PDB file of N, CA and C in Angstrom:
ATOM      1  N   MET A   1      10.806 -10.175  12.877  1.00  0.00           N
ATOM      2  CA  MET A   1       9.652 -10.031  12.019  1.00  0.00           C
ATOM      3  C   MET A   1      10.083  -9.480  10.667  1.00  0.00           C
ATOM      4  N   ALA A   2       9.593 -10.076   9.597  1.00  0.00           N
ATOM      5  CA  ALA A   2       9.861  -9.557   8.257  1.00  0.00           C
ATOM      6  C   ALA A   2       8.982  -8.330   8.035  1.00  0.00           C
ATOM      7  N   GLY A   3       9.283  -7.604   6.997  1.00  0.00           N
ATOM      8  CA  GLY A   3       8.457  -6.440   6.702  1.00  0.00           C
ATOM      9  C   GLY A   3       9.202  -5.161   6.987  1.00  0.00           C
ATOM     10  N   LEU A   4       8.467  -4.155   7.353  1.00  0.00           N
ATOM     11  CA  LEU A   4       9.028  -2.832   7.580  1.00  0.00           C
ATOM     12  C   LEU A   4       9.879  -2.783   8.837  1.00  0.00           C
ATOM     13  N   GLY A   5      10.860  -1.913   8.819  1.00  0.00           N
ATOM     14  CA  GLY A   5      11.672  -1.688  10.005  1.00  0.00           C
ATOM     15  C   GLY A   5      10.904  -0.875  11.030  1.00  0.00           C
ATOM     16  N   GLU A   6      11.458  -0.791  12.216  1.00  0.00           N
ATOM     17  CA  GLU A   6      10.784  -0.107  13.323  1.00  0.00           C
ATOM     18  C   GLU A   6      10.493   1.362  13.026  1.00  0.00           C
ATOM     19  N   GLU A   7      11.425   2.051  12.359  1.00  0.00           N
ATOM     20  CA  GLU A   7      11.198   3.469  12.026  1.00  0.00           C
ATOM     21  C   GLU A   7       9.988   3.648  11.129  1.00  0.00           C
ATOM     22  N   ASN A   8       9.882   2.807  10.102  1.00  0.00           N
ATOM     23  CA  ASN A   8       8.743   2.898   9.185  1.00  0.00           C
ATOM     24  C   ASN A   8       7.437   2.533   9.876  1.00  0.00           C
ATOM     25  N   LEU A   9       7.478   1.510  10.711  1.00  0.00           N
ATOM     26  CA  LEU A   9       6.279   1.130  11.457  1.00  0.00           C
ATOM     27  C   LEU A   9       5.834   2.254  12.388  1.00  0.00           C
ATOM     28  N   GLU A  10       6.799   2.909  13.014  1.00  0.00           N
ATOM     29  CA  GLU A  10       6.472   4.023  13.913  1.00  0.00           C
ATOM     30  C   GLU A  10       5.849   5.182  13.140  1.00  0.00           C
ATOM     31  N   MET A  11       6.382   5.483  11.961  1.00  0.00           N
ATOM     32  CA  MET A  11       5.823   6.569  11.154  1.00  0.00           C
ATOM     33  C   MET A  11       4.405   6.224  10.695  1.00  0.00           C
ATOM     34  N   LEU A  12       4.188   4.993  10.271  1.00  0.00           N
ATOM     35  CA  LEU A  12       2.832   4.587   9.885  1.00  0.00           C
ATOM     36  C   LEU A  12       1.893   4.620  11.084  1.00  0.00           C
ATOM     37  N   ARG A  13       2.384   4.243  12.246  1.00  0.00           N
ATOM     38  CA  ARG A  13       1.590   4.317  13.476  1.00  0.00           C
ATOM     39  C   ARG A  13       1.172   5.766  13.724  1.00  0.00           C
ATOM     40  N   HIS A  14       2.086   6.677  13.524  1.00  0.00           N
ATOM     41  CA  HIS A  14       1.798   8.107  13.705  1.00  0.00           C
ATOM     42  C   HIS A  14       0.802   8.604  12.648  1.00  0.00           C
ATOM     43  N   LEU A  15       1.026   8.247  11.388  1.00  0.00           N
ATOM     44  CA  LEU A  15       0.188   8.745  10.291  1.00  0.00           C
ATOM     45  C   LEU A  15      -1.223   8.158  10.298  1.00  0.00           C
ATOM     46  N   LEU A  16      -1.337   6.871  10.635  1.00  0.00           N
ATOM     47  CA  LEU A  16      -2.639   6.202  10.590  1.00  0.00           C
ATOM     48  C   LEU A  16      -3.316   6.106  11.954  1.00  0.00           C
ATOM     49  N   GLY A  17      -2.562   6.371  13.011  1.00  0.00           N
ATOM     50  CA  GLY A  17      -3.145   6.352  14.345  1.00  0.00           C
ATOM     51  C   GLY A  17      -3.351   4.957  14.919  1.00  0.00           C
ATOM     52  N   ARG A  18      -2.633   3.974  14.371  1.00  0.00           N
ATOM     53  CA  ARG A  18      -2.735   2.611  14.908  1.00  0.00           C
ATOM     54  C   ARG A  18      -1.479   1.823  14.549  1.00  0.00           C
ATOM     55  N   ASP A  19      -1.278   0.740  15.263  1.00  0.00           N
ATOM     56  CA  ASP A  19      -0.149  -0.156  15.018  1.00  0.00           C
ATOM     57  C   ASP A  19      -0.485  -1.052  13.829  1.00  0.00           C
ATOM     58  N   VAL A  20       0.363  -1.034  12.806  1.00  0.00           N
ATOM     59  CA  VAL A  20       0.121  -1.851  11.609  1.00  0.00           C
ATOM     60  C   VAL A  20       1.089  -3.030  11.514  1.00  0.00           C
ATOM     61  N   SER A  21       1.913  -3.242  12.535  1.00  0.00           N
ATOM     62  CA  SER A  21       2.933  -4.294  12.463  1.00  0.00           C
ATOM     63  C   SER A  21       2.323  -5.678  12.257  1.00  0.00           C
ATOM     64  N   HIS A  22       1.168  -5.926  12.819  1.00  0.00           N
ATOM     65  CA  HIS A  22       0.511  -7.233  12.707  1.00  0.00           C
ATOM     66  C   HIS A  22      -0.129  -7.462  11.337  1.00  0.00           C
ATOM     67  N   GLU A  23      -0.149  -6.443  10.473  1.00  0.00           N
ATOM     68  CA  GLU A  23      -0.795  -6.548   9.165  1.00  0.00           C
ATOM     69  C   GLU A  23       0.140  -7.075   8.075  1.00  0.00           C
ATOM     70  N   TRP A  24       1.397  -7.372   8.421  1.00  0.00           N
ATOM     71  CA  TRP A  24       2.349  -7.847   7.426  1.00  0.00           C
ATOM     72  C   TRP A  24       1.832  -9.119   6.754  1.00  0.00           C
ATOM     73  N   GLY A  25       1.796  -9.100   5.418  1.00  0.00           N
ATOM     74  CA  GLY A  25       1.379 -10.267   4.658  1.00  0.00           C
ATOM     75  C   GLY A  25      -0.096 -10.602   4.751  1.00  0.00           C
ATOM     76  N   SER A  26      -0.914  -9.665   5.221  1.00  0.00           N
ATOM     77  CA  SER A  26      -2.335  -9.953   5.419  1.00  0.00           C
ATOM     78  C   SER A  26      -3.153  -9.905   4.129  1.00  0.00           C
ATOM     79  N   CYS A  27      -2.575  -9.413   3.042  1.00  0.00           N
ATOM     80  CA  CYS A  27      -3.289  -9.328   1.763  1.00  0.00           C
ATOM     81  C   CYS A  27      -2.671 -10.285   0.748  1.00  0.00           C
ATOM     82  N   ARG A  28      -3.518 -11.016   0.045  1.00  0.00           N
ATOM     83  CA  ARG A  28      -3.052 -11.968  -0.972  1.00  0.00           C
ATOM     84  C   ARG A  28      -2.577 -11.269  -2.234  1.00  0.00           C
ATOM     85  N   ASP A  29      -3.253 -10.160  -2.573  1.00  0.00           N
ATOM     86  CA  ASP A  29      -2.989  -9.506  -3.850  1.00  0.00           C
ATOM     87  C   ASP A  29      -3.454  -8.052  -3.790  1.00  0.00           C
ATOM     88  N   TYR A  30      -3.306  -7.356  -4.902  1.00  0.00           N
ATOM     89  CA  TYR A  30      -3.672  -5.944  -4.940  1.00  0.00           C
ATOM     90  C   TYR A  30      -5.175  -5.725  -4.789  1.00  0.00           C
ATOM     91  N   MET A  31      -5.988  -6.689  -5.183  1.00  0.00           N
ATOM     92  CA  MET A  31      -7.434  -6.556  -4.988  1.00  0.00           C
ATOM     93  C   MET A  31      -7.749  -6.544  -3.497  1.00  0.00           C
ATOM     94  N   ASP A  32      -7.073  -7.386  -2.710  1.00  0.00           N
ATOM     95  CA  ASP A  32      -7.241  -7.353  -1.250  1.00  0.00           C
ATOM     96  C   ASP A  32      -6.798  -6.006  -0.684  1.00  0.00           C
ATOM     97  N   VAL A  33      -5.668  -5.511  -1.149  1.00  0.00           N
ATOM     98  CA  VAL A  33      -5.181  -4.206  -0.684  1.00  0.00           C
ATOM     99  C   VAL A  33      -6.248  -3.152  -0.953  1.00  0.00           C
ATOM    100  N   TYR A  34      -6.800  -3.175  -2.144  1.00  0.00           N
ATOM    101  CA  TYR A  34      -7.831  -2.203  -2.518  1.00  0.00           C
ATOM    102  C   TYR A  34      -9.073  -2.360  -1.641  1.00  0.00           C
ATOM    103  N   ASN A  35      -9.587  -3.562  -1.560  1.00  0.00           N
ATOM    104  CA  ASN A  35     -10.837  -3.792  -0.826  1.00  0.00           C
ATOM    105  C   ASN A  35     -10.721  -3.509   0.667  1.00  0.00           C
ATOM    106  N   LEU A  36      -9.563  -3.782   1.244  1.00  0.00           N
ATOM    107  CA  LEU A  36      -9.416  -3.680   2.694  1.00  0.00           C
ATOM    108  C   LEU A  36      -8.728  -2.408   3.186  1.00  0.00           C
ATOM    109  N   HIS A  37      -7.930  -1.756   2.325  1.00  0.00           N
ATOM    110  CA  HIS A  37      -7.081  -0.675   2.831  1.00  0.00           C
ATOM    111  C   HIS A  37      -7.059   0.593   1.979  1.00  0.00           C
ATOM    112  N   ILE A  38      -7.967   0.715   1.009  1.00  0.00           N
ATOM    113  CA  ILE A  38      -7.917   1.884   0.133  1.00  0.00           C
ATOM    114  C   ILE A  38      -8.086   3.185   0.920  1.00  0.00           C
ATOM    115  N   ASP A  39      -8.925   3.196   1.932  1.00  0.00           N
ATOM    116  CA  ASP A  39      -9.121   4.424   2.716  1.00  0.00           C
ATOM    117  C   ASP A  39      -7.853   4.816   3.462  1.00  0.00           C
ATOM    118  N   ASP A  40      -7.145   3.839   4.030  1.00  0.00           N
ATOM    119  CA  ASP A  40      -5.871   4.125   4.701  1.00  0.00           C
ATOM    120  C   ASP A  40      -4.864   4.699   3.713  1.00  0.00           C
ATOM    121  N   LEU A  41      -4.802   4.107   2.534  1.00  0.00           N
ATOM    122  CA  LEU A  41      -3.844   4.572   1.525  1.00  0.00           C
ATOM    123  C   LEU A  41      -4.183   5.977   1.049  1.00  0.00           C
ATOM    124  N   ARG A  42      -5.453   6.256   0.870  1.00  0.00           N
ATOM    125  CA  ARG A  42      -5.855   7.615   0.465  1.00  0.00           C
ATOM    126  C   ARG A  42      -5.530   8.624   1.562  1.00  0.00           C
ATOM    127  N   GLU A  43      -5.690   8.214   2.804  1.00  0.00           N
ATOM    128  CA  GLU A  43      -5.326   9.087   3.926  1.00  0.00           C
ATOM    129  C   GLU A  43      -3.830   9.408   3.893  1.00  0.00           C
ATOM    130  N   LEU A  44      -3.003   8.412   3.631  1.00  0.00           N
ATOM    131  CA  LEU A  44      -1.557   8.641   3.547  1.00  0.00           C
ATOM    132  C   LEU A  44      -1.221   9.588   2.399  1.00  0.00           C
ATOM    133  N   VAL A  45      -1.851   9.400   1.249  1.00  0.00           N
ATOM    134  CA  VAL A  45      -1.589  10.266   0.095  1.00  0.00           C
ATOM    135  C   VAL A  45      -2.039  11.692   0.393  1.00  0.00           C
ATOM    136  N   GLN A  46      -3.179  11.862   1.043  1.00  0.00           N
ATOM    137  CA  GLN A  46      -3.656  13.198   1.406  1.00  0.00           C
ATOM    138  C   GLN A  46      -2.693  13.894   2.360  1.00  0.00           C
ATOM    139  N   LYS A  47      -1.977  13.126   3.153  1.00  0.00           N
ATOM    140  CA  LYS A  47      -0.999  13.685   4.091  1.00  0.00           C
ATOM    141  C   LYS A  47       0.381  13.833   3.448  1.00  0.00           C
ATOM    142  N   ASN A  48       0.435  13.728   2.109  1.00  0.00           N
ATOM    143  CA  ASN A  48       1.703  13.817   1.363  1.00  0.00           C
ATOM    144  C   ASN A  48       2.723  12.792   1.842  1.00  0.00           C
ATOM    145  N   ALA A  49       2.233  11.605   2.144  1.00  0.00           N
ATOM    146  CA  ALA A  49       3.097  10.519   2.612  1.00  0.00           C
ATOM    147  C   ALA A  49       3.067   9.363   1.611  1.00  0.00           C
ATOM    148  N   GLY A  50       3.231   9.697   0.328  1.00  0.00           N
ATOM    149  CA  GLY A  50       3.183   8.690  -0.726  1.00  0.00           C
ATOM    150  C   GLY A  50       4.205   7.586  -0.556  1.00  0.00           C
ATOM    151  N   LEU A  51       5.398   7.945  -0.111  1.00  0.00           N
ATOM    152  CA  LEU A  51       6.435   6.937   0.111  1.00  0.00           C
ATOM    153  C   LEU A  51       5.979   5.922   1.159  1.00  0.00           C
ATOM    154  N   TYR A  52       5.338   6.396   2.215  1.00  0.00           N
ATOM    155  CA  TYR A  52       4.846   5.487   3.249  1.00  0.00           C
ATOM    156  C   TYR A  52       3.657   4.677   2.752  1.00  0.00           C
ATOM    157  N   ALA A  53       2.869   5.231   1.837  1.00  0.00           N
ATOM    158  CA  ALA A  53       1.786   4.458   1.225  1.00  0.00           C
ATOM    159  C   ALA A  53       2.367   3.279   0.456  1.00  0.00           C
ATOM    160  N   GLU A  54       3.433   3.525  -0.295  1.00  0.00           N
ATOM    161  CA  GLU A  54       4.078   2.456  -1.063  1.00  0.00           C
ATOM    162  C   GLU A  54       4.672   1.396  -0.138  1.00  0.00           C
ATOM    163  N   LYS A  55       5.309   1.831   0.923  1.00  0.00           N
ATOM    164  CA  LYS A  55       5.878   0.880   1.884  1.00  0.00           C
ATOM    165  C   LYS A  55       4.774   0.070   2.560  1.00  0.00           C
ATOM    166  N   TYR A  56       3.665   0.730   2.865  1.00  0.00           N
ATOM    167  CA  TYR A  56       2.530   0.056   3.495  1.00  0.00           C
ATOM    168  C   TYR A  56       1.942  -1.001   2.554  1.00  0.00           C
ATOM    169  N   ILE A  57       1.834  -0.680   1.267  1.00  0.00           N
ATOM    170  CA  ILE A  57       1.334  -1.641   0.282  1.00  0.00           C
ATOM    171  C   ILE A  57       2.204  -2.895   0.297  1.00  0.00           C
ATOM    172  N   MET A  58       3.512  -2.709   0.220  1.00  0.00           N
ATOM    173  CA  MET A  58       4.419  -3.862   0.207  1.00  0.00           C
ATOM    174  C   MET A  58       4.359  -4.621   1.533  1.00  0.00           C
ATOM    175  N   HIS A  59       4.174  -3.907   2.630  1.00  0.00           N
ATOM    176  CA  HIS A  59       4.029  -4.522   3.948  1.00  0.00           C
ATOM    177  C   HIS A  59       2.770  -5.399   3.977  1.00  0.00           C
ATOM    178  N   LEU A  60       1.668  -4.874   3.469  1.00  0.00           N
ATOM    179  CA  LEU A  60       0.417  -5.627   3.455  1.00  0.00           C
ATOM    180  C   LEU A  60       0.528  -6.901   2.628  1.00  0.00           C
ATOM    181  N   LEU A  61       1.242  -6.802   1.515  1.00  0.00           N
ATOM    182  CA  LEU A  61       1.408  -7.962   0.635  1.00  0.00           C
ATOM    183  C   LEU A  61       2.462  -8.934   1.154  1.00  0.00           C
ATOM    184  N   GLY A  62       3.351  -8.454   2.012  1.00  0.00           N
ATOM    185  CA  GLY A  62       4.432  -9.289   2.516  1.00  0.00           C
ATOM    186  C   GLY A  62       5.504  -9.536   1.477  1.00  0.00           C
ATOM    187  N   LYS A  63       5.392  -8.848   0.375  1.00  0.00           N
ATOM    188  CA  LYS A  63       6.327  -8.997  -0.743  1.00  0.00           C
ATOM    189  C   LYS A  63       5.981  -7.901  -1.750  1.00  0.00           C
ATOM    190  N   GLY A  64       6.473  -8.053  -2.927  1.00  0.00           N
ATOM    191  CA  GLY A  64       6.065  -7.154  -3.994  1.00  0.00           C
ATOM    192  C   GLY A  64       7.147  -6.176  -4.365  1.00  0.00           C
ATOM    193  N   GLY A  65       7.032  -5.724  -5.576  1.00  0.00           N
ATOM    194  CA  GLY A  65       8.013  -4.789  -6.085  1.00  0.00           C
ATOM    195  C   GLY A  65       7.574  -3.352  -5.917  1.00  0.00           C
ATOM    196  N   LEU A  66       8.561  -2.505  -5.827  1.00  0.00           N
ATOM    197  CA  LEU A  66       8.296  -1.080  -5.670  1.00  0.00           C
ATOM    198  C   LEU A  66       7.605  -0.508  -6.902  1.00  0.00           C
ATOM    199  N   ARG A  67       7.913  -1.030  -8.090  1.00  0.00           N
ATOM    200  CA  ARG A  67       7.295  -0.509  -9.318  1.00  0.00           C
ATOM    201  C   ARG A  67       5.772  -0.628  -9.260  1.00  0.00           C
ATOM    202  N   ASN A  68       5.264  -1.795  -8.896  1.00  0.00           N
ATOM    203  CA  ASN A  68       3.811  -1.971  -8.796  1.00  0.00           C
ATOM    204  C   ASN A  68       3.227  -1.133  -7.668  1.00  0.00           C
ATOM    205  N   ALA A  69       3.921  -1.054  -6.548  1.00  0.00           N
ATOM    206  CA  ALA A  69       3.423  -0.260  -5.422  1.00  0.00           C
ATOM    207  C   ALA A  69       3.315   1.211  -5.805  1.00  0.00           C
ATOM    208  N   LYS A  70       4.319   1.737  -6.504  1.00  0.00           N
ATOM    209  CA  LYS A  70       4.286   3.136  -6.947  1.00  0.00           C
ATOM    210  C   LYS A  70       3.154   3.361  -7.941  1.00  0.00           C
ATOM    211  N   SER A  71       3.025   2.447  -8.889  1.00  0.00           N
ATOM    212  CA  SER A  71       1.979   2.552  -9.899  1.00  0.00           C
ATOM    213  C   SER A  71       0.597   2.498  -9.253  1.00  0.00           C
ATOM    214  N   PHE A  72       0.391   1.557  -8.340  1.00  0.00           N
ATOM    215  CA  PHE A  72      -0.887   1.428  -7.638  1.00  0.00           C
ATOM    216  C   PHE A  72      -1.185   2.696  -6.852  1.00  0.00           C
ATOM    217  N   ARG A  73      -0.185   3.188  -6.118  1.00  0.00           N
ATOM    218  CA  ARG A  73      -0.385   4.403  -5.326  1.00  0.00           C
ATOM    219  C   ARG A  73      -0.793   5.574  -6.207  1.00  0.00           C
ATOM    220  N   TYR A  74      -0.134   5.738  -7.334  1.00  0.00           N
ATOM    221  CA  TYR A  74      -0.436   6.886  -8.189  1.00  0.00           C
ATOM    222  C   TYR A  74      -1.776   6.726  -8.915  1.00  0.00           C
ATOM    223  N   PHE A  75      -1.934   5.637  -9.643  1.00  0.00           N
ATOM    224  CA  PHE A  75      -3.109   5.507 -10.502  1.00  0.00           C
ATOM    225  C   PHE A  75      -4.388   5.151  -9.748  1.00  0.00           C
ATOM    226  N   VAL A  76      -4.321   4.209  -8.840  1.00  0.00           N
ATOM    227  CA  VAL A  76      -5.531   3.748  -8.159  1.00  0.00           C
ATOM    228  C   VAL A  76      -5.852   4.611  -6.943  1.00  0.00           C
ATOM    229  N   VAL A  77      -4.849   4.852  -6.104  1.00  0.00           N
ATOM    230  CA  VAL A  77      -5.098   5.597  -4.862  1.00  0.00           C
ATOM    231  C   VAL A  77      -5.287   7.086  -5.147  1.00  0.00           C
ATOM    232  N   LYS A  78      -4.354   7.691  -5.848  1.00  0.00           N
ATOM    233  CA  LYS A  78      -4.391   9.144  -6.056  1.00  0.00           C
ATOM    234  C   LYS A  78      -5.337   9.559  -7.181  1.00  0.00           C
ATOM    235  N   GLU A  79      -5.259   8.879  -8.324  1.00  0.00           N
ATOM    236  CA  GLU A  79      -6.030   9.286  -9.502  1.00  0.00           C
ATOM    237  C   GLU A  79      -7.362   8.544  -9.645  1.00  0.00           C
ATOM    238  N   ASN A  80      -7.662   7.651  -8.716  1.00  0.00           N
ATOM    239  CA  ASN A  80      -8.931   6.914  -8.693  1.00  0.00           C
ATOM    240  C   ASN A  80      -9.200   6.074  -9.938  1.00  0.00           C
ATOM    241  N   GLU A  81      -8.142   5.536 -10.537  1.00  0.00           N
ATOM    242  CA  GLU A  81      -8.336   4.619 -11.666  1.00  0.00           C
ATOM    243  C   GLU A  81      -9.040   3.364 -11.159  1.00  0.00           C
ATOM    244  N   ASN A  82      -9.880   2.805 -11.986  1.00  0.00           N
ATOM    245  CA  ASN A  82     -10.581   1.571 -11.646  1.00  0.00           C
ATOM    246  C   ASN A  82      -9.558   0.460 -11.400  1.00  0.00           C
ATOM    247  N   ILE A  83      -9.711  -0.257 -10.297  1.00  0.00           N
ATOM    248  CA  ILE A  83      -8.755  -1.305  -9.929  1.00  0.00           C
ATOM    249  C   ILE A  83      -8.670  -2.390 -10.995  1.00  0.00           C
ATOM    250  N   ASP A  84      -9.794  -2.755 -11.591  1.00  0.00           N
ATOM    251  CA  ASP A  84      -9.774  -3.791 -12.628  1.00  0.00           C
ATOM    252  C   ASP A  84      -8.995  -3.330 -13.852  1.00  0.00           C
ATOM    253  N   ASP A  85      -9.166  -2.064 -14.229  1.00  0.00           N
ATOM    254  CA  ASP A  85      -8.408  -1.516 -15.361  1.00  0.00           C
ATOM    255  C   ASP A  85      -6.919  -1.492 -15.039  1.00  0.00           C
ATOM    256  N   TRP A  86      -6.581  -1.092 -13.805  1.00  0.00           N
ATOM    257  CA  TRP A  86      -5.166  -1.048 -13.420  1.00  0.00           C
ATOM    258  C   TRP A  86      -4.553  -2.446 -13.462  1.00  0.00           C
ATOM    259  N   LEU A  87      -5.262  -3.430 -12.927  1.00  0.00           N
ATOM    260  CA  LEU A  87      -4.745  -4.800 -12.931  1.00  0.00           C
ATOM    261  C   LEU A  87      -4.525  -5.299 -14.356  1.00  0.00           C
ATOM    262  N   LYS A  88      -5.420  -4.940 -15.252  1.00  0.00           N
ATOM    263  CA  LYS A  88      -5.326  -5.387 -16.641  1.00  0.00           C
ATOM    264  C   LYS A  88      -4.237  -4.635 -17.405  1.00  0.00           C
ATOM    265  N   ASP A  89      -4.135  -3.321 -17.197  1.00  0.00           N
ATOM    266  CA  ASP A  89      -3.267  -2.476 -18.025  1.00  0.00           C
ATOM    267  C   ASP A  89      -1.901  -2.161 -17.429  1.00  0.00           C
ATOM    268  N   SER A  90      -1.796  -2.079 -16.111  1.00  0.00           N
ATOM    269  CA  SER A  90      -0.574  -1.550 -15.504  1.00  0.00           C
ATOM    270  C   SER A  90       0.188  -2.519 -14.608  1.00  0.00           C
ATOM    271  N   TYR A  91      -0.508  -3.464 -13.998  1.00  0.00           N
ATOM    272  CA  TYR A  91       0.155  -4.404 -13.083  1.00  0.00           C
ATOM    273  C   TYR A  91       1.182  -5.230 -13.846  1.00  0.00           C
ATOM    274  N   GLN A  92       2.356  -5.386 -13.255  1.00  0.00           N
ATOM    275  CA  GLN A  92       3.413  -6.177 -13.884  1.00  0.00           C
ATOM    276  C   GLN A  92       3.736  -7.384 -13.015  1.00  0.00           C
ATOM    277  N   GLU A  93       3.592  -8.566 -13.588  1.00  0.00           N
ATOM    278  CA  GLU A  93       3.924  -9.808 -12.877  1.00  0.00           C
ATOM    279  C   GLU A  93       5.396  -9.820 -12.504  1.00  0.00           C
ATOM    280  N   GLY A  94       5.669 -10.449 -11.359  1.00  0.00           N
ATOM    281  CA  GLY A  94       7.054 -10.658 -10.945  1.00  0.00           C
ATOM    282  C   GLY A  94       7.643  -9.456 -10.433  1.00  0.00           C
TER     283      GLY A  94
END
């Protein structure tokens, strides 16, 4: 299976209380991540698990760069920036 390794999946299972292995590639874009998983991501950030939030974002997308995942985690998840503003101002293609 592509995506996160077993250690990361186990940690996310512990942090979120469920198996997320089947969620690999389930989101088309960051808007899907926001609409479907923002509460999970905020829970990870509240637990000081920002690194796992970033890994989870990339897992959900099935791809993606760490730069966008870090930016999304900080501005949208932690600082509550409007997703549309983030997509317009901060998201980087490729």
